[in-house]
Amino acid sequence: EELGIRVRIASNPELDSWTPSGRMMLGVLLSSARYESDVIGKRALGGM
């Protein structure tokens, strides 16, 4: 953002991280992704 480059996300094409609401949503999505990763990792370990 400091470089003037926008990041667009295919799964959330309307999200604009340059706005206050978009930045808040970005944090929520990243936290959810980390939680999902931990859950999937545990499930994958069980499969292994």
All heavy atoms as atom14 arrays in JSON, in Angstrom:
{
  "sequence": "EELGIRVRIASNPELDSWTPSGRMMLGVLLSSARYESDVIGKRALGGM",
  "atom14_mask": [
    [1, 1, 1, 1, 1, 1, 1, 1, 1, 0, 0, 0, 0, 0],
    [1, 1, 1, 1, 1, 1, 1, 1, 1, 0, 0, 0, 0, 0],
    [1, 1, 1, 1, 1, 1, 1, 1, 0, 0, 0, 0, 0, 0],
    [1, 1, 1, 1, 0, 0, 0, 0, 0, 0, 0, 0, 0, 0],
    [1, 1, 1, 1, 1, 1, 1, 1, 0, 0, 0, 0, 0, 0],
    [1, 1, 1, 1, 1, 1, 1, 1, 1, 1, 1, 0, 0, 0],
    [1, 1, 1, 1, 1, 1, 1, 0, 0, 0, 0, 0, 0, 0],
    [1, 1, 1, 1, 1, 1, 1, 1, 1, 1, 1, 0, 0, 0],
    [1, 1, 1, 1, 1, 1, 1, 1, 0, 0, 0, 0, 0, 0],
    [1, 1, 1, 1, 1, 0, 0, 0, 0, 0, 0, 0, 0, 0],
    [1, 1, 1, 1, 1, 1, 0, 0, 0, 0, 0, 0, 0, 0],
    [1, 1, 1, 1, 1, 1, 1, 1, 0, 0, 0, 0, 0, 0],
    [1, 1, 1, 1, 1, 1, 1, 0, 0, 0, 0, 0, 0, 0],
    [1, 1, 1, 1, 1, 1, 1, 1, 1, 0, 0, 0, 0, 0],
    [1, 1, 1, 1, 1, 1, 1, 1, 0, 0, 0, 0, 0, 0],
    [1, 1, 1, 1, 1, 1, 1, 1, 0, 0, 0, 0, 0, 0],
    [1, 1, 1, 1, 1, 1, 0, 0, 0, 0, 0, 0, 0, 0],
    [1, 1, 1, 1, 1, 1, 1, 1, 1, 1, 1, 1, 1, 1],
    [1, 1, 1, 1, 1, 1, 1, 0, 0, 0, 0, 0, 0, 0],
    [1, 1, 1, 1, 1, 1, 1, 0, 0, 0, 0, 0, 0, 0],
    [1, 1, 1, 1, 1, 1, 0, 0, 0, 0, 0, 0, 0, 0],
    [1, 1, 1, 1, 0, 0, 0, 0, 0, 0, 0, 0, 0, 0],
    [1, 1, 1, 1, 1, 1, 1, 1, 1, 1, 1, 0, 0, 0],
    [1, 1, 1, 1, 1, 1, 1, 1, 0, 0, 0, 0, 0, 0],
    [1, 1, 1, 1, 1, 1, 1, 1, 0, 0, 0, 0, 0, 0],
    [1, 1, 1, 1, 1, 1, 1, 1, 0, 0, 0, 0, 0, 0],
    [1, 1, 1, 1, 0, 0, 0, 0, 0, 0, 0, 0, 0, 0],
    [1, 1, 1, 1, 1, 1, 1, 0, 0, 0, 0, 0, 0, 0],
    [1, 1, 1, 1, 1, 1, 1, 1, 0, 0, 0, 0, 0, 0],
    [1, 1, 1, 1, 1, 1, 1, 1, 0, 0, 0, 0, 0, 0],
    [1, 1, 1, 1, 1, 1, 0, 0, 0, 0, 0, 0, 0, 0],
    [1, 1, 1, 1, 1, 1, 0, 0, 0, 0, 0, 0, 0, 0],
    [1, 1, 1, 1, 1, 0, 0, 0, 0, 0, 0, 0, 0, 0],
    [1, 1, 1, 1, 1, 1, 1, 1, 1, 1, 1, 0, 0, 0],
    [1, 1, 1, 1, 1, 1, 1, 1, 1, 1, 1, 1, 0, 0],
    [1, 1, 1, 1, 1, 1, 1, 1, 1, 0, 0, 0, 0, 0],
    [1, 1, 1, 1, 1, 1, 0, 0, 0, 0, 0, 0, 0, 0],
    [1, 1, 1, 1, 1, 1, 1, 1, 0, 0, 0, 0, 0, 0],
    [1, 1, 1, 1, 1, 1, 1, 0, 0, 0, 0, 0, 0, 0],
    [1, 1, 1, 1, 1, 1, 1, 1, 0, 0, 0, 0, 0, 0],
    [1, 1, 1, 1, 0, 0, 0, 0, 0, 0, 0, 0, 0, 0],
    [1, 1, 1, 1, 1, 1, 1, 1, 1, 0, 0, 0, 0, 0],
    [1, 1, 1, 1, 1, 1, 1, 1, 1, 1, 1, 0, 0, 0],
    [1, 1, 1, 1, 1, 0, 0, 0, 0, 0, 0, 0, 0, 0],
    [1, 1, 1, 1, 1, 1, 1, 1, 0, 0, 0, 0, 0, 0],
    [1, 1, 1, 1, 0, 0, 0, 0, 0, 0, 0, 0, 0, 0],
    [1, 1, 1, 1, 0, 0, 0, 0, 0, 0, 0, 0, 0, 0],
    [1, 1, 1, 1, 1, 1, 1, 1, 0, 0, 0, 0, 0, 0]
  ],
  "atom14_positions": [
    [[0.83, -1.2, 0.0], [0.0, 0.0, 0.0], [0.87, 1.25, 0.0], [0.58, 2.22, -0.71], [-0.91, -0.01, 1.22], [-1.81, 1.23, 1.32], [-2.68, 1.2, 2.56], [-2.88, 0.11, 3.12], [-3.14, 2.28, 2.97], [0.0, 0.0, 0.0], [0.0, 0.0, 0.0], [0.0, 0.0, 0.0], [0.0, 0.0, 0.0], [0.0, 0.0, 0.0]],
    [[1.95, 1.24, 0.78], [2.86, 2.38, 0.82], [3.49, 2.64, -0.54], [3.81, 3.78, -0.9], [3.96, 2.14, 1.86], [3.48, 2.19, 3.3], [4.58, 1.85, 4.28], [5.72, 1.62, 3.81], [4.31, 1.8, 5.49], [0.0, 0.0, 0.0], [0.0, 0.0, 0.0], [0.0, 0.0, 0.0], [0.0, 0.0, 0.0], [0.0, 0.0, 0.0]],
    [[3.66, 1.58, -1.33], [4.23, 1.71, -2.66], [3.18, 2.08, -3.71], [3.5, 2.25, -4.88], [4.91, 0.39, -3.07], [6.11, -0.04, -2.21], [6.54, -1.44, -2.57], [7.26, 0.94, -2.36], [0.0, 0.0, 0.0], [0.0, 0.0, 0.0], [0.0, 0.0, 0.0], [0.0, 0.0, 0.0], [0.0, 0.0, 0.0], [0.0, 0.0, 0.0]],
    [[1.93, 2.19, -3.27], [0.86, 2.53, -4.19], [0.33, 1.34, -4.96], [-0.35, 1.5, -5.98], [0.0, 0.0, 0.0], [0.0, 0.0, 0.0], [0.0, 0.0, 0.0], [0.0, 0.0, 0.0], [0.0, 0.0, 0.0], [0.0, 0.0, 0.0], [0.0, 0.0, 0.0], [0.0, 0.0, 0.0], [0.0, 0.0, 0.0], [0.0, 0.0, 0.0]],
    [[0.63, 0.14, -4.5], [0.22, -1.09, -5.2], [-0.95, -1.72, -4.45], [-0.85, -2.01, -3.26], [1.39, -2.09, -5.29], [2.52, -1.49, -6.12], [0.92, -3.41, -5.89], [3.76, -2.34, -6.17], [0.0, 0.0, 0.0], [0.0, 0.0, 0.0], [0.0, 0.0, 0.0], [0.0, 0.0, 0.0], [0.0, 0.0, 0.0], [0.0, 0.0, 0.0]],
    [[-2.05, -1.92, -5.14], [-3.22, -2.54, -4.53], [-3.12, -4.06, -4.63], [-2.65, -4.6, -5.64], [-4.5, -2.09, -5.23], [-4.91, -0.66, -4.9], [-6.25, -0.33, -5.53], [-6.67, 1.04, -5.25], [-7.34, 1.42, -4.18], [-7.68, 0.52, -3.27], [-7.68, 2.68, -4.0], [0.0, 0.0, 0.0], [0.0, 0.0, 0.0], [0.0, 0.0, 0.0]],
    [[-3.57, -4.73, -3.58], [-3.65, -6.19, -3.59], [-5.11, -6.57, -3.79], [-5.98, -6.14, -3.03], [-3.13, -6.79, -2.27], [-3.23, -8.32, -2.31], [-1.69, -6.36, -2.03], [0.0, 0.0, 0.0], [0.0, 0.0, 0.0], [0.0, 0.0, 0.0], [0.0, 0.0, 0.0], [0.0, 0.0, 0.0], [0.0, 0.0, 0.0], [0.0, 0.0, 0.0]],
    [[-5.37, -7.36, -4.83], [-6.72, -7.83, -5.11], [-6.8, -9.32, -4.8], [-5.87, -10.08, -5.13], [-7.08, -7.59, -6.58], [-6.99, -6.14, -7.03], [-8.08, -5.29, -6.46], [-8.09, -3.94, -7.03], [-8.9, -2.98, -6.66], [-9.8, -3.21, -5.7], [-8.83, -1.78, -7.21], [0.0, 0.0, 0.0], [0.0, 0.0, 0.0], [0.0, 0.0, 0.0]],
    [[-7.9, -9.75, -4.19], [-8.06, -11.13, -3.76], [-9.23, -11.75, -4.51], [-10.36, -11.25, -4.43], [-8.33, -11.2, -2.24], [-7.26, -10.4, -1.48], [-8.35, -12.65, -1.76], [-7.58, -10.17, -0.02], [0.0, 0.0, 0.0], [0.0, 0.0, 0.0], [0.0, 0.0, 0.0], [0.0, 0.0, 0.0], [0.0, 0.0, 0.0], [0.0, 0.0, 0.0]],
    [[-8.97, -12.84, -5.24], [-10.0, -13.46, -6.07], [-11.17, -13.97, -5.23], [-12.33, -13.88, -5.66], [-9.41, -14.6, -6.89], [0.0, 0.0, 0.0], [0.0, 0.0, 0.0], [0.0, 0.0, 0.0], [0.0, 0.0, 0.0], [0.0, 0.0, 0.0], [0.0, 0.0, 0.0], [0.0, 0.0, 0.0], [0.0, 0.0, 0.0], [0.0, 0.0, 0.0]],
    [[-10.91, -14.49, -4.06], [-11.98, -15.01, -3.22], [-12.82, -13.9, -2.6], [-13.94, -14.14, -2.13], [-11.41, -15.9, -2.11], [-10.5, -15.17, -1.3], [0.0, 0.0, 0.0], [0.0, 0.0, 0.0], [0.0, 0.0, 0.0], [0.0, 0.0, 0.0], [0.0, 0.0, 0.0], [0.0, 0.0, 0.0], [0.0, 0.0, 0.0], [0.0, 0.0, 0.0]],
    [[-12.29, -12.67, -2.57], [-13.01, -11.5, -2.05], [-12.74, -10.32, -2.98], [-12.06, -9.35, -2.6], [-12.56, -11.17, -0.62], [-12.78, -12.31, 0.35], [-11.94, -13.2, 0.47], [-13.9, -12.29, 1.03], [0.0, 0.0, 0.0], [0.0, 0.0, 0.0], [0.0, 0.0, 0.0], [0.0, 0.0, 0.0], [0.0, 0.0, 0.0], [0.0, 0.0, 0.0]],
    [[-13.23, -10.37, -4.22], [-12.86, -9.38, -5.23], [-13.25, -7.94, -4.9], [-12.64, -7.0, -5.43], [-13.59, -9.87, -6.49], [-14.69, -10.74, -5.98], [-14.17, -11.37, -4.75], [0.0, 0.0, 0.0], [0.0, 0.0, 0.0], [0.0, 0.0, 0.0], [0.0, 0.0, 0.0], [0.0, 0.0, 0.0], [0.0, 0.0, 0.0], [0.0, 0.0, 0.0]],
    [[-14.24, -7.75, -4.04], [-14.69, -6.39, -3.73], [-13.95, -5.8, -2.53], [-14.15, -4.62, -2.21], [-16.2, -6.4, -3.44], [-17.04, -6.97, -4.58], [-16.76, -6.25, -5.9], [-16.59, -5.02, -5.87], [-16.72, -6.92, -6.94], [0.0, 0.0, 0.0], [0.0, 0.0, 0.0], [0.0, 0.0, 0.0], [0.0, 0.0, 0.0], [0.0, 0.0, 0.0]],
    [[-13.13, -6.57, -1.86], [-12.44, -6.07, -0.67], [-11.38, -5.03, -1.06], [-10.56, -5.27, -1.95], [-11.78, -7.22, 0.09], [-11.17, -6.86, 1.46], [-11.3, -8.06, 2.4], [-9.69, -6.49, 1.34], [0.0, 0.0, 0.0], [0.0, 0.0, 0.0], [0.0, 0.0, 0.0], [0.0, 0.0, 0.0], [0.0, 0.0, 0.0], [0.0, 0.0, 0.0]],
    [[-11.42, -3.9, -0.4], [-10.44, -2.82, -0.63], [-9.69, -2.58, 0.68], [-10.21, -1.96, 1.61], [-11.15, -1.54, -1.08], [-10.14, -0.44, -1.45], [-8.93, -0.65, -1.23], [-10.58, 0.61, -1.93], [0.0, 0.0, 0.0], [0.0, 0.0, 0.0], [0.0, 0.0, 0.0], [0.0, 0.0, 0.0], [0.0, 0.0, 0.0], [0.0, 0.0, 0.0]],
    [[-8.47, -3.08, 0.77], [-7.7, -2.99, 2.01], [-7.25, -1.57, 2.31], [-6.68, -1.32, 3.37], [-6.49, -3.92, 1.95], [-5.6, -3.51, 0.92], [0.0, 0.0, 0.0], [0.0, 0.0, 0.0], [0.0, 0.0, 0.0], [0.0, 0.0, 0.0], [0.0, 0.0, 0.0], [0.0, 0.0, 0.0], [0.0, 0.0, 0.0], [0.0, 0.0, 0.0]],
    [[-7.49, -0.62, 1.38], [-7.08, 0.75, 1.62], [-8.11, 1.53, 2.43], [-7.87, 2.66, 2.82], [-6.83, 1.46, 0.28], [-5.56, 1.02, -0.38], [-4.82, -0.09, -0.09], [-4.89, 1.68, -1.45], [-3.73, -0.18, -0.91], [-3.75, 0.91, -1.76], [-5.12, 2.83, -2.17], [-2.85, 1.26, -2.76], [-4.23, 3.19, -3.18], [-3.1, 2.42, -3.47]],
    [[-9.27, 0.93, 2.66], [-10.29, 1.59, 3.45], [-10.26, 1.04, 4.88], [-9.81, -0.09, 5.11], [-11.69, 1.34, 2.85], [-11.99, -0.06, 2.93], [-11.74, 1.78, 1.4], [0.0, 0.0, 0.0], [0.0, 0.0, 0.0], [0.0, 0.0, 0.0], [0.0, 0.0, 0.0], [0.0, 0.0, 0.0], [0.0, 0.0, 0.0], [0.0, 0.0, 0.0]],
    [[-10.74, 1.81, 5.87], [-10.74, 1.31, 7.26], [-11.51, 0.0, 7.41], [-11.04, -0.92, 8.09], [-11.42, 2.45, 8.03], [-11.13, 3.67, 7.22], [-11.17, 3.21, 5.79], [0.0, 0.0, 0.0], [0.0, 0.0, 0.0], [0.0, 0.0, 0.0], [0.0, 0.0, 0.0], [0.0, 0.0, 0.0], [0.0, 0.0, 0.0], [0.0, 0.0, 0.0]],
    [[-12.69, -0.09, 6.79], [-13.48, -1.32, 6.9], [-12.79, -2.48, 6.19], [-12.81, -3.62, 6.65], [-14.88, -1.11, 6.32], [-14.81, -0.74, 4.95], [0.0, 0.0, 0.0], [0.0, 0.0, 0.0], [0.0, 0.0, 0.0], [0.0, 0.0, 0.0], [0.0, 0.0, 0.0], [0.0, 0.0, 0.0], [0.0, 0.0, 0.0], [0.0, 0.0, 0.0]],
    [[-12.16, -2.17, 5.05], [-11.44, -3.21, 4.32], [-10.25, -3.73, 5.09], [-9.96, -4.93, 5.1], [0.0, 0.0, 0.0], [0.0, 0.0, 0.0], [0.0, 0.0, 0.0], [0.0, 0.0, 0.0], [0.0, 0.0, 0.0], [0.0, 0.0, 0.0], [0.0, 0.0, 0.0], [0.0, 0.0, 0.0], [0.0, 0.0, 0.0], [0.0, 0.0, 0.0]],
    [[-9.54, -2.82, 5.77], [-8.38, -3.23, 6.57], [-8.82, -4.11, 7.75], [-8.16, -5.08, 8.1], [-7.65, -1.99, 7.07], [-6.25, -2.28, 7.6], [-5.48, -0.99, 7.85], [-5.18, -0.29, 6.62], [-5.74, 0.86, 6.25], [-6.64, 1.43, 7.02], [-5.41, 1.45, 5.12], [0.0, 0.0, 0.0], [0.0, 0.0, 0.0], [0.0, 0.0, 0.0]],
    [[-9.95, -3.76, 8.35], [-10.47, -4.57, 9.45], [-10.86, -5.96, 8.94], [-10.53, -6.99, 9.55], [-11.69, -3.9, 10.08], [-12.29, -4.7, 11.24], [-13.87, -4.06, 11.78], [-14.9, -4.56, 10.4], [0.0, 0.0, 0.0], [0.0, 0.0, 0.0], [0.0, 0.0, 0.0], [0.0, 0.0, 0.0], [0.0, 0.0, 0.0], [0.0, 0.0, 0.0]],
    [[-11.54, -6.01, 7.78], [-11.94, -7.29, 7.21], [-10.72, -8.13, 6.84], [-10.72, -9.35, 6.98], [-12.81, -7.05, 5.98], [-13.31, -8.34, 5.32], [-14.26, -9.38, 6.46], [-15.69, -8.33, 6.73], [0.0, 0.0, 0.0], [0.0, 0.0, 0.0], [0.0, 0.0, 0.0], [0.0, 0.0, 0.0], [0.0, 0.0, 0.0], [0.0, 0.0, 0.0]],
    [[-9.67, -7.46, 6.38], [-8.44, -8.16, 6.03], [-7.87, -8.88, 7.24], [-7.46, -10.05, 7.16], [-7.42, -7.17, 5.48], [-6.08, -7.75, 5.04], [-6.27, -8.73, 3.89], [-5.13, -6.61, 4.63], [0.0, 0.0, 0.0], [0.0, 0.0, 0.0], [0.0, 0.0, 0.0], [0.0, 0.0, 0.0], [0.0, 0.0, 0.0], [0.0, 0.0, 0.0]],
    [[-7.84, -8.21, 8.39], [-7.35, -8.84, 9.6], [-8.19, -10.03, 10.01], [-7.66, -11.07, 10.44], [0.0, 0.0, 0.0], [0.0, 0.0, 0.0], [0.0, 0.0, 0.0], [0.0, 0.0, 0.0], [0.0, 0.0, 0.0], [0.0, 0.0, 0.0], [0.0, 0.0, 0.0], [0.0, 0.0, 0.0], [0.0, 0.0, 0.0], [0.0, 0.0, 0.0]],
    [[-9.51, -9.9, 9.85], [-10.41, -11.02, 10.17], [-10.15, -12.21, 9.25], [-10.07, -13.36, 9.71], [-11.88, -10.57, 10.05], [-12.82, -11.77, 10.19], [-12.2, -9.53, 11.11], [0.0, 0.0, 0.0], [0.0, 0.0, 0.0], [0.0, 0.0, 0.0], [0.0, 0.0, 0.0], [0.0, 0.0, 0.0], [0.0, 0.0, 0.0], [0.0, 0.0, 0.0]],
    [[-9.98, -11.94, 7.95], [-9.75, -13.02, 6.99], [-8.42, -13.72, 7.25], [-8.32, -14.95, 7.15], [-9.78, -12.46, 5.57], [-11.14, -12.01, 5.05], [-11.0, -11.31, 3.7], [-12.1, -13.2, 4.92], [0.0, 0.0, 0.0], [0.0, 0.0, 0.0], [0.0, 0.0, 0.0], [0.0, 0.0, 0.0], [0.0, 0.0, 0.0], [0.0, 0.0, 0.0]],
    [[-7.38, -12.95, 7.58], [-6.08, -13.56, 7.86], [-6.13, -14.42, 9.13], [-5.56, -15.51, 9.17], [-5.02, -12.47, 8.01], [-4.53, -11.82, 6.71], [-3.71, -10.57, 7.01], [-3.71, -12.81, 5.89], [0.0, 0.0, 0.0], [0.0, 0.0, 0.0], [0.0, 0.0, 0.0], [0.0, 0.0, 0.0], [0.0, 0.0, 0.0], [0.0, 0.0, 0.0]],
    [[-6.84, -13.94, 10.14], [-6.98, -14.73, 11.37], [-7.76, -16.01, 11.11], [-7.42, -17.08, 11.61], [-7.69, -13.89, 12.45], [-6.92, -12.76, 12.8], [0.0, 0.0, 0.0], [0.0, 0.0, 0.0], [0.0, 0.0, 0.0], [0.0, 0.0, 0.0], [0.0, 0.0, 0.0], [0.0, 0.0, 0.0], [0.0, 0.0, 0.0], [0.0, 0.0, 0.0]],
    [[-8.82, -15.9, 10.3], [-9.62, -17.08, 9.96], [-8.8, -18.08, 9.16], [-8.91, -19.3, 9.36], [-10.85, -16.66, 9.15], [-11.68, -15.81, 9.9], [0.0, 0.0, 0.0], [0.0, 0.0, 0.0], [0.0, 0.0, 0.0], [0.0, 0.0, 0.0], [0.0, 0.0, 0.0], [0.0, 0.0, 0.0], [0.0, 0.0, 0.0], [0.0, 0.0, 0.0]],
    [[-7.96, -17.56, 8.25], [-7.11, -18.44, 7.44], [-6.12, -19.19, 8.31], [-5.86, -20.38, 8.09], [-6.37, -17.62, 6.37], [0.0, 0.0, 0.0], [0.0, 0.0, 0.0], [0.0, 0.0, 0.0], [0.0, 0.0, 0.0], [0.0, 0.0, 0.0], [0.0, 0.0, 0.0], [0.0, 0.0, 0.0], [0.0, 0.0, 0.0], [0.0, 0.0, 0.0]],
    [[-5.57, -18.51, 9.31], [-4.61, -19.17, 10.21], [-5.31, -20.26, 11.02], [-4.78, -21.36, 11.2], [-3.98, -18.13, 11.15], [-3.0, -18.75, 12.15], [-1.85, -19.46, 11.44], [-1.04, -20.22, 12.34], [0.0, -19.71, 13.01], [0.32, -18.43, 12.89], [0.71, -20.49, 13.8], [0.0, 0.0, 0.0], [0.0, 0.0, 0.0], [0.0, 0.0, 0.0]],
    [[-6.52, -19.95, 11.5], [-7.28, -20.95, 12.25], [-7.6, -22.15, 11.37], [-7.42, -23.31, 11.79], [-8.58, -20.33, 12.77], [-9.53, -21.34, 13.38], [-9.31, -21.87, 14.64], [-10.66, -21.77, 12.67], [-10.18, -22.81, 15.19], [-11.53, -22.71, 13.21], [-11.29, -23.22, 14.47], [-12.15, -24.15, 15.0], [0.0, 0.0, 0.0], [0.0, 0.0, 0.0]],
    [[-8.03, -21.88, 10.15], [-8.35, -22.97, 9.23], [-7.12, -23.81, 8.93], [-7.19, -25.04, 8.84], [-8.92, -22.4, 7.93], [-9.32, -23.46, 6.91], [-9.81, -22.86, 5.61], [-9.77, -21.62, 5.47], [-10.24, -23.63, 4.73], [0.0, 0.0, 0.0], [0.0, 0.0, 0.0], [0.0, 0.0, 0.0], [0.0, 0.0, 0.0], [0.0, 0.0, 0.0]],
    [[-5.97, -23.14, 8.79], [-4.72, -23.85, 8.52], [-4.38, -24.81, 9.65], [-3.97, -25.95, 9.43], [-3.59, -22.84, 8.33], [-2.34, -23.49, 8.23], [0.0, 0.0, 0.0], [0.0, 0.0, 0.0], [0.0, 0.0, 0.0], [0.0, 0.0, 0.0], [0.0, 0.0, 0.0], [0.0, 0.0, 0.0], [0.0, 0.0, 0.0], [0.0, 0.0, 0.0]],
    [[-4.57, -24.33, 10.9], [-4.27, -25.18, 12.05], [-5.19, -26.39, 12.09], [-4.75, -27.52, 12.39], [-4.42, -24.37, 13.35], [-3.34, -23.3, 13.49], [-2.32, -23.4, 12.79], [-3.54, -22.36, 14.28], [0.0, 0.0, 0.0], [0.0, 0.0, 0.0], [0.0, 0.0, 0.0], [0.0, 0.0, 0.0], [0.0, 0.0, 0.0], [0.0, 0.0, 0.0]],
    [[-6.47, -26.17, 11.79], [-7.44, -27.27, 11.8], [-7.11, -28.28, 10.71], [-7.09, -29.5, 10.93], [-8.88, -26.73, 11.63], [-9.86, -27.88, 11.43], [-9.28, -25.9, 12.84], [0.0, 0.0, 0.0], [0.0, 0.0, 0.0], [0.0, 0.0, 0.0], [0.0, 0.0, 0.0], [0.0, 0.0, 0.0], [0.0, 0.0, 0.0], [0.0, 0.0, 0.0]],
    [[-6.84, -27.76, 9.49], [-6.51, -28.65, 8.38], [-5.23, -29.41, 8.64], [-5.1, -30.6, 8.33], [-6.39, -27.83, 7.07], [-7.76, -27.29, 6.66], [-5.82, -28.7, 5.94], [-7.72, -26.38, 5.45], [0.0, 0.0, 0.0], [0.0, 0.0, 0.0], [0.0, 0.0, 0.0], [0.0, 0.0, 0.0], [0.0, 0.0, 0.0], [0.0, 0.0, 0.0]],
    [[-4.24, -28.7, 9.25], [-2.97, -29.36, 9.57], [-3.16, -30.53, 10.52], [-2.56, -31.59, 10.36], [0.0, 0.0, 0.0], [0.0, 0.0, 0.0], [0.0, 0.0, 0.0], [0.0, 0.0, 0.0], [0.0, 0.0, 0.0], [0.0, 0.0, 0.0], [0.0, 0.0, 0.0], [0.0, 0.0, 0.0], [0.0, 0.0, 0.0], [0.0, 0.0, 0.0]],
    [[-4.01, -30.33, 11.53], [-4.28, -31.4, 12.49], [-4.97, -32.56, 11.82], [-4.65, -33.73, 12.05], [-5.14, -30.84, 13.63], [-5.26, -31.76, 14.83], [-3.94, -31.91, 15.55], [-4.07, -32.76, 16.8], [-2.77, -32.94, 17.47], [0.0, 0.0, 0.0], [0.0, 0.0, 0.0], [0.0, 0.0, 0.0], [0.0, 0.0, 0.0], [0.0, 0.0, 0.0]],
    [[-5.92, -32.23, 10.93], [-6.64, -33.27, 10.2], [-5.7, -34.02, 9.26], [-5.76, -35.25, 9.13], [-7.79, -32.64, 9.42], [-8.76, -33.65, 8.81], [-9.83, -32.93, 8.01], [-10.51, -31.95, 8.84], [-10.86, -30.74, 8.42], [-10.56, -30.36, 7.18], [-11.51, -29.91, 9.22], [0.0, 0.0, 0.0], [0.0, 0.0, 0.0], [0.0, 0.0, 0.0]],
    [[-4.83, -33.26, 8.58], [-3.88, -33.89, 7.66], [-2.92, -34.8, 8.4], [-2.57, -35.89, 7.93], [-3.1, -32.81, 6.9], [0.0, 0.0, 0.0], [0.0, 0.0, 0.0], [0.0, 0.0, 0.0], [0.0, 0.0, 0.0], [0.0, 0.0, 0.0], [0.0, 0.0, 0.0], [0.0, 0.0, 0.0], [0.0, 0.0, 0.0], [0.0, 0.0, 0.0]],
    [[-2.48, -34.37, 9.59], [-1.58, -35.19, 10.4], [-2.26, -36.51, 10.77], [-1.64, -37.57, 10.72], [-1.17, -34.44, 11.66], [-0.2, -35.17, 12.59], [1.09, -35.5, 11.86], [0.09, -34.32, 13.82], [0.0, 0.0, 0.0], [0.0, 0.0, 0.0], [0.0, 0.0, 0.0], [0.0, 0.0, 0.0], [0.0, 0.0, 0.0], [0.0, 0.0, 0.0]],
    [[-3.55, -36.42, 11.11], [-4.28, -37.65, 11.42], [-4.33, -38.58, 10.23], [-4.19, -39.8, 10.37], [0.0, 0.0, 0.0], [0.0, 0.0, 0.0], [0.0, 0.0, 0.0], [0.0, 0.0, 0.0], [0.0, 0.0, 0.0], [0.0, 0.0, 0.0], [0.0, 0.0, 0.0], [0.0, 0.0, 0.0], [0.0, 0.0, 0.0], [0.0, 0.0, 0.0]],
    [[-4.51, -38.0, 9.03], [-4.52, -38.82, 7.81], [-3.17, -39.44, 7.54], [-3.08, -40.6, 7.11], [0.0, 0.0, 0.0], [0.0, 0.0, 0.0], [0.0, 0.0, 0.0], [0.0, 0.0, 0.0], [0.0, 0.0, 0.0], [0.0, 0.0, 0.0], [0.0, 0.0, 0.0], [0.0, 0.0, 0.0], [0.0, 0.0, 0.0], [0.0, 0.0, 0.0]],
    [[-2.1, -38.7, 7.82], [-0.75, -39.23, 7.63], [-0.47, -40.38, 8.59], [0.13, -41.38, 8.2], [0.27, -38.11, 7.8], [0.2, -37.04, 6.73], [1.14, -35.56, 7.16], [2.82, -36.17, 7.07], [0.0, 0.0, 0.0], [0.0, 0.0, 0.0], [0.0, 0.0, 0.0], [0.0, 0.0, 0.0], [0.0, 0.0, 0.0], [0.0, 0.0, 0.0]]
  ]
}
